[in-house]
């Protein structure tokens, strides 16, 4: 939603996680203002939060962080908008 509002829809987030335990091993973030999403991923890594737990967390609309929730859903095999 926000990407459309700011007319900058180029970018993506990819979360790399261990298939057995769900541990986040790393991530790729490309696009506008992705630096604002780094703290959530850093905290998730530090606190051993899984993509499933990120997916269940509220990500307000319209924000760019919605893409982080979408990436977490994708890791779990349940993307919303793909």
PDB file of N, CA and C in Angstrom:
ATOM      1  N   UNK A   1       0.802  -1.194   0.000  1.00  0.00           N
ATOM      2  CA  UNK A   1       0.000   0.000   0.000  1.00  0.00           C
ATOM      3  C   UNK A   1       0.855   1.273   0.000  1.00  0.00           C
ATOM      4  N   UNK A   2       1.805   1.363   0.905  1.00  0.00           N
ATOM      5  CA  UNK A   2       2.612   2.586   0.981  1.00  0.00           C
ATOM      6  C   UNK A   2       3.524   2.714  -0.236  1.00  0.00           C
ATOM      7  N   UNK A   3       4.031   1.597  -0.743  1.00  0.00           N
ATOM      8  CA  UNK A   3       4.890   1.650  -1.929  1.00  0.00           C
ATOM      9  C   UNK A   3       4.134   2.276  -3.102  1.00  0.00           C
ATOM     10  N   UNK A   4       2.868   1.949  -3.233  1.00  0.00           N
ATOM     11  CA  UNK A   4       2.064   2.565  -4.287  1.00  0.00           C
ATOM     12  C   UNK A   4       1.854   4.046  -3.999  1.00  0.00           C
ATOM     13  N   UNK A   5       1.626   4.387  -2.734  1.00  0.00           N
ATOM     14  CA  UNK A   5       1.384   5.779  -2.363  1.00  0.00           C
ATOM     15  C   UNK A   5       2.600   6.660  -2.631  1.00  0.00           C
ATOM     16  N   UNK A   6       3.802   6.122  -2.409  1.00  0.00           N
ATOM     17  CA  UNK A   6       5.016   6.919  -2.658  1.00  0.00           C
ATOM     18  C   UNK A   6       5.552   6.702  -4.071  1.00  0.00           C
ATOM     19  N   UNK A   7       4.818   5.918  -4.854  1.00  0.00           N
ATOM     20  CA  UNK A   7       5.147   5.637  -6.255  1.00  0.00           C
ATOM     21  C   UNK A   7       6.564   5.073  -6.413  1.00  0.00           C
ATOM     22  N   UNK A   8       6.899   4.108  -5.555  1.00  0.00           N
ATOM     23  CA  UNK A   8       8.188   3.425  -5.642  1.00  0.00           C
ATOM     24  C   UNK A   8       7.977   1.961  -5.278  1.00  0.00           C
ATOM     25  N   UNK A   9       7.580   1.171  -6.251  1.00  0.00           N
ATOM     26  CA  UNK A   9       7.224  -0.231  -6.023  1.00  0.00           C
ATOM     27  C   UNK A   9       8.368  -1.194  -6.340  1.00  0.00           C
ATOM     28  N   UNK A  10       9.567  -0.672  -6.531  1.00  0.00           N
ATOM     29  CA  UNK A  10      10.720  -1.522  -6.832  1.00  0.00           C
ATOM     30  C   UNK A  10      11.392  -1.967  -5.547  1.00  0.00           C
ATOM     31  N   UNK A  11      11.545  -3.268  -5.379  1.00  0.00           N
ATOM     32  CA  UNK A  11      12.234  -3.794  -4.212  1.00  0.00           C
ATOM     33  C   UNK A  11      11.653  -5.127  -3.789  1.00  0.00           C
ATOM     34  N   UNK A  12      12.328  -5.733  -2.804  1.00  0.00           N
ATOM     35  CA  UNK A  12      11.854  -7.007  -2.276  1.00  0.00           C
ATOM     36  C   UNK A  12      12.540  -7.308  -0.952  1.00  0.00           C
ATOM     37  N   UNK A  13      11.972  -8.258  -0.234  1.00  0.00           N
ATOM     38  CA  UNK A  13      12.590  -8.795   0.974  1.00  0.00           C
ATOM     39  C   UNK A  13      12.576 -10.302   0.844  1.00  0.00           C
ATOM     40  N   UNK A  14      13.698 -10.925   1.170  1.00  0.00           N
ATOM     41  CA  UNK A  14      13.814 -12.376   1.157  1.00  0.00           C
ATOM     42  C   UNK A  14      14.383 -12.796   2.508  1.00  0.00           C
ATOM     43  N   UNK A  15      13.673 -13.672   3.186  1.00  0.00           N
ATOM     44  CA  UNK A  15      14.130 -14.196   4.463  1.00  0.00           C
ATOM     45  C   UNK A  15      14.646 -15.620   4.233  1.00  0.00           C
ATOM     46  N   UNK A  16      15.834 -15.900   4.731  1.00  0.00           N
ATOM     47  CA  UNK A  16      16.421 -17.227   4.617  1.00  0.00           C
ATOM     48  C   UNK A  16      16.355 -17.870   6.002  1.00  0.00           C
ATOM     49  N   UNK A  17      15.674 -19.015   6.061  1.00  0.00           N
ATOM     50  CA  UNK A  17      15.475 -19.665   7.352  1.00  0.00           C
ATOM     51  C   UNK A  17      15.752 -21.158   7.252  1.00  0.00           C
ATOM     52  N   UNK A  18      16.165 -21.728   8.380  1.00  0.00           N
ATOM     53  CA  UNK A  18      16.393 -23.159   8.480  1.00  0.00           C
ATOM     54  C   UNK A  18      15.055 -23.885   8.338  1.00  0.00           C
ATOM     55  N   UNK A  19      15.001 -24.866   7.441  1.00  0.00           N
ATOM     56  CA  UNK A  19      13.740 -25.571   7.161  1.00  0.00           C
ATOM     57  C   UNK A  19      13.252 -26.387   8.358  1.00  0.00           C
ATOM     58  N   UNK A  20      14.165 -26.936   9.141  1.00  0.00           N
ATOM     59  CA  UNK A  20      13.760 -27.809  10.253  1.00  0.00           C
ATOM     60  C   UNK A  20      13.277 -27.027  11.471  1.00  0.00           C
ATOM     61  N   UNK A  21      14.027 -26.001  11.861  1.00  0.00           N
ATOM     62  CA  UNK A  21      13.721 -25.290  13.097  1.00  0.00           C
ATOM     63  C   UNK A  21      13.123 -23.894  12.910  1.00  0.00           C
ATOM     64  N   UNK A  22      13.162 -23.373  11.694  1.00  0.00           N
ATOM     65  CA  UNK A  22      12.612 -22.045  11.444  1.00  0.00           C
ATOM     66  C   UNK A  22      13.531 -20.910  11.842  1.00  0.00           C
ATOM     67  N   UNK A  23      14.754 -21.222  12.249  1.00  0.00           N
ATOM     68  CA  UNK A  23      15.707 -20.179  12.642  1.00  0.00           C
ATOM     69  C   UNK A  23      16.027 -19.283  11.448  1.00  0.00           C
ATOM     70  N   UNK A  24      15.969 -17.986  11.656  1.00  0.00           N
ATOM     71  CA  UNK A  24      16.322 -17.042  10.599  1.00  0.00           C
ATOM     72  C   UNK A  24      17.842 -17.029  10.471  1.00  0.00           C
ATOM     73  N   UNK A  25      18.309 -17.340   9.277  1.00  0.00           N
ATOM     74  CA  UNK A  25      19.746 -17.385   9.018  1.00  0.00           C
ATOM     75  C   UNK A  25      20.250 -16.094   8.395  1.00  0.00           C
ATOM     76  N   UNK A  26      19.379 -15.378   7.718  1.00  0.00           N
ATOM     77  CA  UNK A  26      19.753 -14.132   7.068  1.00  0.00           C
ATOM     78  C   UNK A  26      18.586 -13.577   6.285  1.00  0.00           C
ATOM     79  N   UNK A  27      18.823 -12.454   5.628  1.00  0.00           N
ATOM     80  CA  UNK A  27      17.772 -11.817   4.829  1.00  0.00           C
ATOM     81  C   UNK A  27      18.402 -10.869   3.818  1.00  0.00           C
ATOM     82  N   UNK A  28      17.654 -10.627   2.753  1.00  0.00           N
ATOM     83  CA  UNK A  28      18.030  -9.629   1.753  1.00  0.00           C
ATOM     84  C   UNK A  28      16.916  -8.603   1.721  1.00  0.00           C
ATOM     85  N   UNK A  29      17.265  -7.326   1.796  1.00  0.00           N
ATOM     86  CA  UNK A  29      16.289  -6.249   1.713  1.00  0.00           C
ATOM     87  C   UNK A  29      16.760  -5.271   0.649  1.00  0.00           C
ATOM     88  N   UNK A  30      15.925  -5.034  -0.340  1.00  0.00           N
ATOM     89  CA  UNK A  30      16.249  -4.104  -1.416  1.00  0.00           C
ATOM     90  C   UNK A  30      15.026  -3.229  -1.647  1.00  0.00           C
ATOM     91  N   UNK A  31      15.211  -1.933  -1.626  1.00  0.00           N
ATOM     92  CA  UNK A  31      14.097  -1.027  -1.909  1.00  0.00           C
ATOM     93  C   UNK A  31      14.154   0.223  -1.057  1.00  0.00           C
ATOM     94  N   UNK A  32      13.128   1.070  -1.211  1.00  0.00           N
ATOM     95  CA  UNK A  32      13.109   2.335  -0.477  1.00  0.00           C
ATOM     96  C   UNK A  32      12.896   2.109   1.021  1.00  0.00           C
ATOM     97  N   UNK A  33      13.651   2.806   1.816  1.00  0.00           N
ATOM     98  CA  UNK A  33      13.499   2.813   3.277  1.00  0.00           C
ATOM     99  C   UNK A  33      13.618   1.443   3.941  1.00  0.00           C
ATOM    100  N   UNK A  34      14.331   0.503   3.329  1.00  0.00           N
ATOM    101  CA  UNK A  34      14.471  -0.818   3.950  1.00  0.00           C
ATOM    102  C   UNK A  34      15.263  -0.756   5.254  1.00  0.00           C
ATOM    103  N   UNK A  35      16.062   0.277   5.419  1.00  0.00           N
ATOM    104  CA  UNK A  35      16.835   0.396   6.657  1.00  0.00           C
ATOM    105  C   UNK A  35      15.918   0.504   7.878  1.00  0.00           C
ATOM    106  N   UNK A  36      14.684   0.946   7.679  1.00  0.00           N
ATOM    107  CA  UNK A  36      13.739   1.045   8.792  1.00  0.00           C
ATOM    108  C   UNK A  36      13.207  -0.323   9.210  1.00  0.00           C
ATOM    109  N   UNK A  37      13.419  -1.339   8.394  1.00  0.00           N
ATOM    110  CA  UNK A  37      12.947  -2.685   8.729  1.00  0.00           C
ATOM    111  C   UNK A  37      14.049  -3.552   9.322  1.00  0.00           C
ATOM    112  N   UNK A  38      15.282  -3.079   9.261  1.00  0.00           N
ATOM    113  CA  UNK A  38      16.404  -3.844   9.812  1.00  0.00           C
ATOM    114  C   UNK A  38      16.267  -4.138  11.304  1.00  0.00           C
ATOM    115  N   UNK A  39      15.811  -3.187  12.121  1.00  0.00           N
ATOM    116  CA  UNK A  39      15.713  -3.498  13.551  1.00  0.00           C
ATOM    117  C   UNK A  39      14.783  -4.672  13.850  1.00  0.00           C
ATOM    118  N   UNK A  40      13.674  -4.799  13.122  1.00  0.00           N
ATOM    119  CA  UNK A  40      12.767  -5.925  13.360  1.00  0.00           C
ATOM    120  C   UNK A  40      13.461  -7.248  13.060  1.00  0.00           C
ATOM    121  N   UNK A  41      14.191  -7.311  11.959  1.00  0.00           N
ATOM    122  CA  UNK A  41      14.897  -8.545  11.614  1.00  0.00           C
ATOM    123  C   UNK A  41      16.059  -8.812  12.568  1.00  0.00           C
ATOM    124  N   UNK A  42      16.750  -7.763  12.980  1.00  0.00           N
ATOM    125  CA  UNK A  42      17.849  -7.934  13.945  1.00  0.00           C
ATOM    126  C   UNK A  42      17.322  -8.458  15.274  1.00  0.00           C
ATOM    127  N   UNK A  43      16.223  -7.897  15.726  1.00  0.00           N
ATOM    128  CA  UNK A  43      15.618  -8.357  16.972  1.00  0.00           C
ATOM    129  C   UNK A  43      15.128  -9.800  16.839  1.00  0.00           C
ATOM    130  N   UNK A  44      14.526 -10.109  15.707  1.00  0.00           N
ATOM    131  CA  UNK A  44      14.046 -11.477  15.473  1.00  0.00           C
ATOM    132  C   UNK A  44      15.205 -12.457  15.528  1.00  0.00           C
ATOM    133  N   UNK A  45      16.307 -12.107  14.925  1.00  0.00           N
ATOM    134  CA  UNK A  45      17.491 -12.972  14.917  1.00  0.00           C
ATOM    135  C   UNK A  45      18.043 -13.142  16.330  1.00  0.00           C
ATOM    136  N   UNK A  46      18.151 -12.027  17.057  1.00  0.00           N
ATOM    137  CA  UNK A  46      18.698 -12.047  18.414  1.00  0.00           C
ATOM    138  C   UNK A  46      17.804 -12.831  19.372  1.00  0.00           C
ATOM    139  N   UNK A  47      16.488 -12.661  19.239  1.00  0.00           N
ATOM    140  CA  UNK A  47      15.529 -13.302  20.144  1.00  0.00           C
ATOM    141  C   UNK A  47      15.065 -14.672  19.640  1.00  0.00           C
ATOM    142  N   UNK A  48      15.643 -15.140  18.533  1.00  0.00           N
ATOM    143  CA  UNK A  48      15.296 -16.422  17.930  1.00  0.00           C
ATOM    144  C   UNK A  48      13.810 -16.518  17.576  1.00  0.00           C
ATOM    145  N   UNK A  49      13.298 -15.426  17.053  1.00  0.00           N
ATOM    146  CA  UNK A  49      11.912 -15.386  16.576  1.00  0.00           C
ATOM    147  C   UNK A  49      11.883 -15.994  15.184  1.00  0.00           C
ATOM    148  N   UNK A  50      10.898 -16.808  14.916  1.00  0.00           N
ATOM    149  CA  UNK A  50      10.802 -17.502  13.629  1.00  0.00           C
ATOM    150  C   UNK A  50       9.973 -16.697  12.630  1.00  0.00           C
ATOM    151  N   UNK A  51      10.095 -17.009  11.346  1.00  0.00           N
ATOM    152  CA  UNK A  51       9.233 -16.346  10.358  1.00  0.00           C
ATOM    153  C   UNK A  51       7.745 -16.542  10.669  1.00  0.00           C
ATOM    154  N   UNK A  52       7.377 -17.694  11.212  1.00  0.00           N
ATOM    155  CA  UNK A  52       5.970 -17.923  11.576  1.00  0.00           C
ATOM    156  C   UNK A  52       5.515 -16.901  12.613  1.00  0.00           C
ATOM    157  N   UNK A  53       6.384 -16.582  13.563  1.00  0.00           N
ATOM    158  CA  UNK A  53       6.039 -15.599  14.596  1.00  0.00           C
ATOM    159  C   UNK A  53       6.002 -14.189  14.023  1.00  0.00           C
ATOM    160  N   UNK A  54       6.895 -13.878  13.098  1.00  0.00           N
ATOM    161  CA  UNK A  54       6.853 -12.574  12.428  1.00  0.00           C
ATOM    162  C   UNK A  54       5.554 -12.445  11.641  1.00  0.00           C
ATOM    163  N   UNK A  55       5.172 -13.515  10.961  1.00  0.00           N
ATOM    164  CA  UNK A  55       3.951 -13.492  10.144  1.00  0.00           C
ATOM    165  C   UNK A  55       2.714 -13.219  11.001  1.00  0.00           C
ATOM    166  N   UNK A  56       2.723 -13.687  12.242  1.00  0.00           N
ATOM    167  CA  UNK A  56       1.566 -13.476  13.124  1.00  0.00           C
ATOM    168  C   UNK A  56       1.578 -12.121  13.814  1.00  0.00           C
ATOM    169  N   UNK A  57       2.637 -11.350  13.631  1.00  0.00           N
ATOM    170  CA  UNK A  57       2.760 -10.035  14.245  1.00  0.00           C
ATOM    171  C   UNK A  57       2.046  -8.988  13.390  1.00  0.00           C
ATOM    172  N   UNK A  58       1.412  -8.028  14.033  1.00  0.00           N
ATOM    173  CA  UNK A  58       0.707  -6.974  13.312  1.00  0.00           C
ATOM    174  C   UNK A  58       1.708  -6.079  12.592  1.00  0.00           C
ATOM    175  N   UNK A  59       1.481  -5.888  11.301  1.00  0.00           N
ATOM    176  CA  UNK A  59       2.238  -4.934  10.490  1.00  0.00           C
ATOM    177  C   UNK A  59       1.201  -3.977   9.896  1.00  0.00           C
ATOM    178  N   UNK A  60       1.213  -2.741  10.360  1.00  0.00           N
ATOM    179  CA  UNK A  60       0.170  -1.779   9.999  1.00  0.00           C
ATOM    180  C   UNK A  60       0.078  -1.565   8.492  1.00  0.00           C
ATOM    181  N   UNK A  61      -1.098  -1.145   8.062  1.00  0.00           N
ATOM    182  CA  UNK A  61      -1.362  -0.851   6.646  1.00  0.00           C
ATOM    183  C   UNK A  61      -1.787   0.610   6.527  1.00  0.00           C
ATOM    184  N   UNK A  62      -1.293   1.335   5.596  1.00  0.00           N
ATOM    185  CA  UNK A  62      -0.267   1.015   4.614  1.00  0.00           C
ATOM    186  C   UNK A  62       1.121   1.378   5.132  1.00  0.00           C
ATOM    187  N   UNK A  63       2.004   0.406   5.153  1.00  0.00           N
ATOM    188  CA  UNK A  63       3.404   0.633   5.511  1.00  0.00           C
ATOM    189  C   UNK A  63       4.283  -0.241   4.629  1.00  0.00           C
ATOM    190  N   UNK A  64       5.532   0.107   4.553  1.00  0.00           N
ATOM    191  CA  UNK A  64       6.466  -0.737   3.808  1.00  0.00           C
ATOM    192  C   UNK A  64       6.762  -2.027   4.558  1.00  0.00           C
ATOM    193  N   UNK A  65       6.607  -2.018   5.877  1.00  0.00           N
ATOM    194  CA  UNK A  65       6.911  -3.222   6.659  1.00  0.00           C
ATOM    195  C   UNK A  65       5.934  -4.358   6.387  1.00  0.00           C
ATOM    196  N   UNK A  66       4.838  -4.080   5.720  1.00  0.00           N
ATOM    197  CA  UNK A  66       3.925  -5.154   5.323  1.00  0.00           C
ATOM    198  C   UNK A  66       4.652  -6.190   4.464  1.00  0.00           C
ATOM    199  N   UNK A  67       5.645  -5.745   3.711  1.00  0.00           N
ATOM    200  CA  UNK A  67       6.395  -6.653   2.857  1.00  0.00           C
ATOM    201  C   UNK A  67       7.192  -7.636   3.712  1.00  0.00           C
ATOM    202  N   UNK A  68       7.635  -7.207   4.879  1.00  0.00           N
ATOM    203  CA  UNK A  68       8.337  -8.092   5.796  1.00  0.00           C
ATOM    204  C   UNK A  68       7.407  -9.210   6.268  1.00  0.00           C
ATOM    205  N   UNK A  69       6.184  -8.869   6.592  1.00  0.00           N
ATOM    206  CA  UNK A  69       5.199  -9.885   6.984  1.00  0.00           C
ATOM    207  C   UNK A  69       4.922 -10.826   5.817  1.00  0.00           C
ATOM    208  N   UNK A  70       4.812 -10.274   4.619  1.00  0.00           N
ATOM    209  CA  UNK A  70       4.573 -11.090   3.427  1.00  0.00           C
ATOM    210  C   UNK A  70       5.729 -12.070   3.201  1.00  0.00           C
ATOM    211  N   UNK A  71       6.958 -11.607   3.374  1.00  0.00           N
ATOM    212  CA  UNK A  71       8.128 -12.480   3.214  1.00  0.00           C
ATOM    213  C   UNK A  71       8.113 -13.590   4.266  1.00  0.00           C
ATOM    214  N   UNK A  72       7.716 -13.255   5.478  1.00  0.00           N
ATOM    215  CA  UNK A  72       7.633 -14.260   6.535  1.00  0.00           C
ATOM    216  C   UNK A  72       6.563 -15.302   6.205  1.00  0.00           C
ATOM    217  N   UNK A  73       5.427 -14.845   5.703  1.00  0.00           N
ATOM    218  CA  UNK A  73       4.381 -15.777   5.268  1.00  0.00           C
ATOM    219  C   UNK A  73       4.903 -16.682   4.147  1.00  0.00           C
ATOM    220  N   UNK A  74       5.676 -16.123   3.229  1.00  0.00           N
ATOM    221  CA  UNK A  74       6.218 -16.889   2.110  1.00  0.00           C
ATOM    222  C   UNK A  74       7.162 -17.985   2.593  1.00  0.00           C
ATOM    223  N   UNK A  75       7.983 -17.675   3.594  1.00  0.00           N
ATOM    224  CA  UNK A  75       8.886 -18.690   4.155  1.00  0.00           C
ATOM    225  C   UNK A  75       8.062 -19.865   4.688  1.00  0.00           C
ATOM    226  N   UNK A  76       6.915 -19.562   5.264  1.00  0.00           N
ATOM    227  CA  UNK A  76       6.051 -20.587   5.827  1.00  0.00           C
ATOM    228  C   UNK A  76       5.210 -21.300   4.772  1.00  0.00           C
ATOM    229  N   UNK A  77       5.323 -20.829   3.518  1.00  0.00           N
ATOM    230  CA  UNK A  77       4.569 -21.456   2.437  1.00  0.00           C
ATOM    231  C   UNK A  77       3.159 -20.930   2.263  1.00  0.00           C
ATOM    232  N   UNK A  78       2.880 -19.766   2.892  1.00  0.00           N
ATOM    233  CA  UNK A  78       1.540 -19.186   2.821  1.00  0.00           C
ATOM    234  C   UNK A  78       1.577 -17.699   2.490  1.00  0.00           C
ATOM    235  N   UNK A  79       2.155 -17.328   1.338  1.00  0.00           N
ATOM    236  CA  UNK A  79       2.172 -15.900   1.002  1.00  0.00           C
ATOM    237  C   UNK A  79       0.747 -15.386   0.792  1.00  0.00           C
ATOM    238  N   UNK A  80       0.529 -14.152   1.139  1.00  0.00           N
ATOM    239  CA  UNK A  80      -0.807 -13.571   1.022  1.00  0.00           C
ATOM    240  C   UNK A  80      -1.051 -12.986  -0.358  1.00  0.00           C
ATOM    241  N   UNK A  81      -0.098 -12.232  -0.876  1.00  0.00           N
ATOM    242  CA  UNK A  81      -0.319 -11.471  -2.111  1.00  0.00           C
ATOM    243  C   UNK A  81       0.468 -11.991  -3.311  1.00  0.00           C
ATOM    244  N   UNK A  82       0.909 -13.215  -3.276  1.00  0.00           N
ATOM    245  CA  UNK A  82       1.689 -13.734  -4.402  1.00  0.00           C
ATOM    246  C   UNK A  82       0.884 -14.741  -5.176  1.00  0.00           C
TER     247      UNK A  82
END
